[in-house]
Amino acid sequence: MANITIFDHPLIQHKISVLRSEDTGNKEFRELVKEITMLMCYESLRDLPLKDVTVKTPITETVTKMVDGPKLAIVPILRAGLGMVDGVTSIVPAARIGHIGLYRDEETLEPHEYYCKLPPNIEKRQIIVLDPMLATGGSAIAALNFIKQHGGKNIKFMCLIAAPEGIKALSEAHPDVPIFCASKDEKLNEKGYIVPGLGDAGDRIFGTK
């Protein structure tokens, strides 16, 4: 069974609906991707470890909580994943940022790596892999393979829209990686696009189509 969280918060669902519309322009699309990611990030990081620290308030000295361990690592899958980075860093500004570059063969739909750069001590960090769309699952699986090959262990995958086929494929390939998404859609079409989806997220983020 897939380890997946689908966010049903009204604000997330409202923003996803606006995001889908073909009438939503590039500027508003980018802003919505950031806002939705920020809302999702808040809840998906609920299990970050804490430590006790002593703080002196204007009134007295007290013991309270702060996040423990190495800084969070976020790894967007290029290029569309870049649109989600600001949403995470708005919540966790000290997060380290890596990048994985993949392109999809238009005929076979298979992913191919062209770039991989990860923060140091990746094996000690909580890692969040970002990609707006989980379609066939091929790119996500490949990205997680690369991260694990570099020593990454504590990994989460965050997307905005997911197809059942992608959820199944990613869960079978990496059952230890929880998936967080804002909407589970109906299916993939014959071209590998999510239905109803929102079109090509990269083109809509960067205005390239």
Protein backbone atom coordinates (compact mmCIF):
# COMPACT_ATOMS: atom_id res chain seq x y z
CA MET A 1 0.00 0.00 0.00
CA ALA A 2 1.33 3.43 -0.96
CA ASN A 3 2.71 5.61 1.82
CA ILE A 4 0.95 8.76 0.63
CA THR A 5 -0.55 11.89 2.14
CA ILE A 6 -3.09 13.77 0.01
CA PHE A 7 -3.77 17.22 1.41
CA ASP A 8 -7.45 18.08 1.72
CA HIS A 9 -7.04 21.52 3.30
CA PRO A 10 -9.54 23.95 1.72
CA LEU A 11 -6.87 26.55 0.92
CA ILE A 12 -4.73 23.98 -0.90
CA GLN A 13 -7.69 22.62 -2.84
CA HIS A 14 -8.82 26.13 -3.83
CA LYS A 15 -5.36 27.09 -5.07
CA ILE A 16 -4.99 23.82 -7.00
CA SER A 17 -8.26 24.58 -8.81
CA VAL A 18 -6.98 28.01 -9.88
CA LEU A 19 -3.65 26.43 -10.85
CA ARG A 20 -5.38 24.02 -13.23
CA SER A 21 -7.21 26.70 -15.20
CA GLU A 22 -5.83 27.44 -18.66
CA ASP A 23 -6.70 31.09 -18.00
CA THR A 24 -4.12 31.33 -15.17
CA GLY A 25 -1.09 33.26 -16.44
CA ASN A 26 2.57 32.51 -15.79
CA LYS A 27 3.03 35.04 -12.97
CA GLU A 28 -0.02 33.85 -11.05
CA PHE A 29 0.89 30.22 -11.76
CA ARG A 30 4.36 30.67 -10.21
CA GLU A 31 2.87 32.41 -7.18
CA LEU A 32 0.33 29.63 -6.66
CA VAL A 33 3.00 26.90 -6.92
CA LYS A 34 4.98 28.69 -4.21
CA GLU A 35 1.95 29.14 -1.96
CA ILE A 36 0.74 25.55 -2.30
CA THR A 37 4.24 24.20 -1.65
CA MET A 38 4.54 26.37 1.45
CA LEU A 39 1.25 25.07 2.84
CA MET A 40 2.21 21.46 2.10
CA CYS A 41 5.70 21.90 3.54
CA TYR A 42 4.32 23.06 6.90
CA GLU A 43 2.54 19.76 7.45
CA SER A 44 5.01 17.41 5.76
CA LEU A 45 7.79 18.51 8.14
CA ARG A 46 5.75 17.75 11.24
CA ASP A 47 8.17 14.95 12.22
CA LEU A 48 11.37 17.04 12.23
CA PRO A 49 13.43 16.21 15.35
CA LEU A 50 13.55 18.74 18.19
CA LYS A 51 16.02 19.54 20.93
CA ASP A 52 15.74 21.47 24.19
CA VAL A 53 17.42 24.89 24.25
CA THR A 54 17.63 27.55 26.92
CA VAL A 55 16.28 30.97 25.92
CA LYS A 56 16.24 34.17 27.94
CA THR A 57 13.00 36.07 27.39
CA PRO A 58 12.42 39.65 28.61
CA ILE A 59 10.78 38.04 31.65
CA THR A 60 12.85 34.99 32.55
CA GLU A 61 15.04 32.15 31.33
CA THR A 62 13.19 29.12 29.97
CA VAL A 63 13.79 25.79 28.25
CA THR A 64 12.03 25.50 24.90
CA LYS A 65 12.27 23.60 21.60
CA MET A 66 14.23 24.12 18.38
CA VAL A 67 14.81 21.93 15.31
CA ASP A 68 17.69 19.51 15.84
CA GLY A 69 20.18 17.89 13.47
CA PRO A 70 21.72 18.94 10.13
CA LYS A 71 19.90 21.46 7.95
CA LEU A 72 17.11 20.23 5.70
CA ALA A 73 18.07 19.41 2.10
CA ILE A 74 15.65 20.15 -0.71
CA VAL A 75 16.32 18.66 -4.14
CA PRO A 76 14.18 19.92 -7.03
CA ILE A 77 14.04 17.83 -10.16
CA LEU A 78 14.96 20.24 -12.97
CA ARG A 79 13.42 22.15 -14.33
CA ALA A 80 9.84 22.28 -13.04
CA GLY A 81 10.88 21.41 -9.48
CA LEU A 82 12.61 24.80 -9.25
CA GLY A 83 9.17 26.41 -9.04
CA MET A 84 8.60 24.74 -5.64
CA VAL A 85 11.90 25.76 -4.01
CA ASP A 86 10.76 29.19 -2.80
CA GLY A 87 7.77 27.62 -1.08
CA VAL A 88 10.03 25.45 1.08
CA THR A 89 12.66 28.12 1.77
CA SER A 90 9.89 30.50 2.88
CA ILE A 91 9.29 28.09 5.75
CA VAL A 92 12.87 26.80 6.22
CA PRO A 93 15.20 29.55 4.94
CA ALA A 94 18.34 27.72 6.11
CA ALA A 95 17.62 24.65 3.97
CA ARG A 96 20.42 23.46 1.68
CA ILE A 97 19.49 23.08 -1.98
CA GLY A 98 20.67 20.39 -4.37
CA HIS A 99 19.62 19.81 -8.00
CA ILE A 100 18.92 16.79 -10.18
CA GLY A 101 18.56 17.27 -13.92
CA LEU A 102 16.47 14.76 -15.84
CA TYR A 103 14.86 14.83 -19.25
CA ARG A 104 12.20 12.48 -20.55
CA ASP A 105 12.50 10.73 -23.90
CA GLU A 106 9.32 11.74 -25.74
CA GLU A 107 8.98 8.31 -27.37
CA THR A 108 9.90 5.89 -24.58
CA LEU A 109 8.97 8.26 -21.69
CA GLU A 110 12.13 7.03 -19.93
CA PRO A 111 14.11 9.55 -17.81
CA HIS A 112 17.78 10.36 -18.45
CA GLU A 113 20.09 12.16 -16.01
CA TYR A 114 22.17 15.13 -17.16
CA TYR A 115 23.04 16.78 -13.82
CA CYS A 116 23.25 15.84 -10.13
CA LYS A 117 24.65 18.08 -7.38
CA LEU A 118 23.72 17.43 -3.74
CA PRO A 119 24.56 19.23 -0.47
CA PRO A 120 27.40 17.78 1.67
CA ASN A 121 26.62 15.21 4.37
CA ILE A 122 23.50 14.21 2.44
CA GLU A 123 23.35 10.94 4.38
CA LYS A 124 22.62 12.86 7.60
CA ARG A 125 19.94 15.18 6.26
CA GLN A 126 16.18 15.07 5.93
CA ILE A 127 15.73 15.33 2.15
CA ILE A 128 12.66 16.56 0.29
CA VAL A 129 12.58 15.89 -3.45
CA LEU A 130 10.40 18.37 -5.34
CA ASP A 131 8.57 17.93 -8.64
CA PRO A 132 5.16 19.46 -9.40
CA MET A 133 3.93 16.42 -11.36
CA LEU A 134 4.13 12.70 -10.57
CA ALA A 135 3.05 11.18 -13.89
CA THR A 136 4.63 7.85 -14.89
CA GLY A 137 6.92 8.00 -11.85
CA GLY A 138 10.01 7.46 -13.99
CA SER A 139 11.72 10.76 -13.17
CA ALA A 140 10.94 10.51 -9.47
CA ILE A 141 12.25 6.94 -9.28
CA ALA A 142 15.44 7.89 -11.12
CA ALA A 143 15.99 10.92 -8.87
CA LEU A 144 15.56 8.85 -5.72
CA ASN A 145 17.93 6.21 -7.11
CA PHE A 146 20.62 8.89 -7.61
CA ILE A 147 20.12 10.34 -4.13
CA LYS A 148 20.36 6.92 -2.50
CA GLN A 149 23.49 6.15 -4.53
CA HIS A 150 25.01 9.28 -2.98
CA GLY A 151 24.09 8.11 0.52
CA GLY A 152 20.73 9.79 1.07
CA LYS A 153 18.46 7.83 3.39
CA ASN A 154 15.78 9.99 5.00
CA ILE A 155 13.83 11.09 1.93
CA LYS A 156 10.36 12.47 1.22
CA PHE A 157 8.81 13.20 -2.18
CA MET A 158 6.54 16.21 -2.64
CA CYS A 159 4.42 16.96 -5.70
CA LEU A 160 1.33 18.99 -6.52
CA ILE A 161 -0.51 16.60 -8.86
CA ALA A 162 -0.11 12.82 -8.99
CA ALA A 163 -1.48 10.12 -11.29
CA PRO A 164 -2.38 6.70 -9.83
CA GLU A 165 0.17 5.09 -12.16
CA GLY A 166 2.96 7.27 -10.81
CA ILE A 167 1.99 6.71 -7.19
CA LYS A 168 2.00 2.94 -7.75
CA ALA A 169 5.33 2.91 -9.58
CA LEU A 170 7.11 5.16 -7.06
CA SER A 171 5.72 3.28 -4.07
CA GLU A 172 6.83 -0.07 -5.48
CA ALA A 173 10.32 1.18 -6.37
CA HIS A 174 10.87 3.12 -3.12
CA PRO A 175 8.43 1.90 -0.45
CA ASP A 176 10.46 3.69 2.24
CA VAL A 177 9.82 7.15 0.73
CA PRO A 178 6.57 8.86 1.77
CA ILE A 179 4.72 10.80 -0.92
CA PHE A 180 3.01 14.13 -0.25
CA CYS A 181 0.68 15.60 -2.88
CA ALA A 182 -2.15 18.08 -3.20
CA SER A 183 -4.28 16.08 -5.63
CA LYS A 184 -4.52 12.50 -6.86
CA ASP A 185 -5.87 12.77 -10.40
CA GLU A 186 -7.73 10.33 -12.63
CA LYS A 187 -5.16 8.77 -14.98
CA LEU A 188 -2.43 9.26 -17.61
CA ASN A 189 -3.33 9.79 -21.24
CA GLU A 190 -1.60 8.12 -24.20
CA LYS A 191 1.12 10.82 -24.18
CA GLY A 192 1.93 10.33 -20.51
CA TYR A 193 0.21 13.52 -19.34
CA ILE A 194 -1.89 13.58 -16.19
CA VAL A 195 -5.67 13.87 -16.68
CA PRO A 196 -7.22 16.31 -15.82
CA GLY A 197 -3.83 17.66 -14.69
CA LEU A 198 -2.72 21.20 -15.48
CA GLY A 199 -0.67 20.83 -18.66
CA ASP A 200 3.12 21.07 -18.69
CA ALA A 201 4.13 22.53 -15.30
CA GLY A 202 7.59 23.59 -16.49
CA ASP A 203 6.21 25.50 -19.47
CA ARG A 204 3.60 27.22 -17.31
CA ILE A 205 6.11 28.15 -14.58
CA PHE A 206 8.72 29.54 -16.94
CA GLY A 207 6.47 30.81 -19.73
CA THR A 208 8.15 28.74 -22.41
CA LYS A 209 5.01 27.76 -24.31
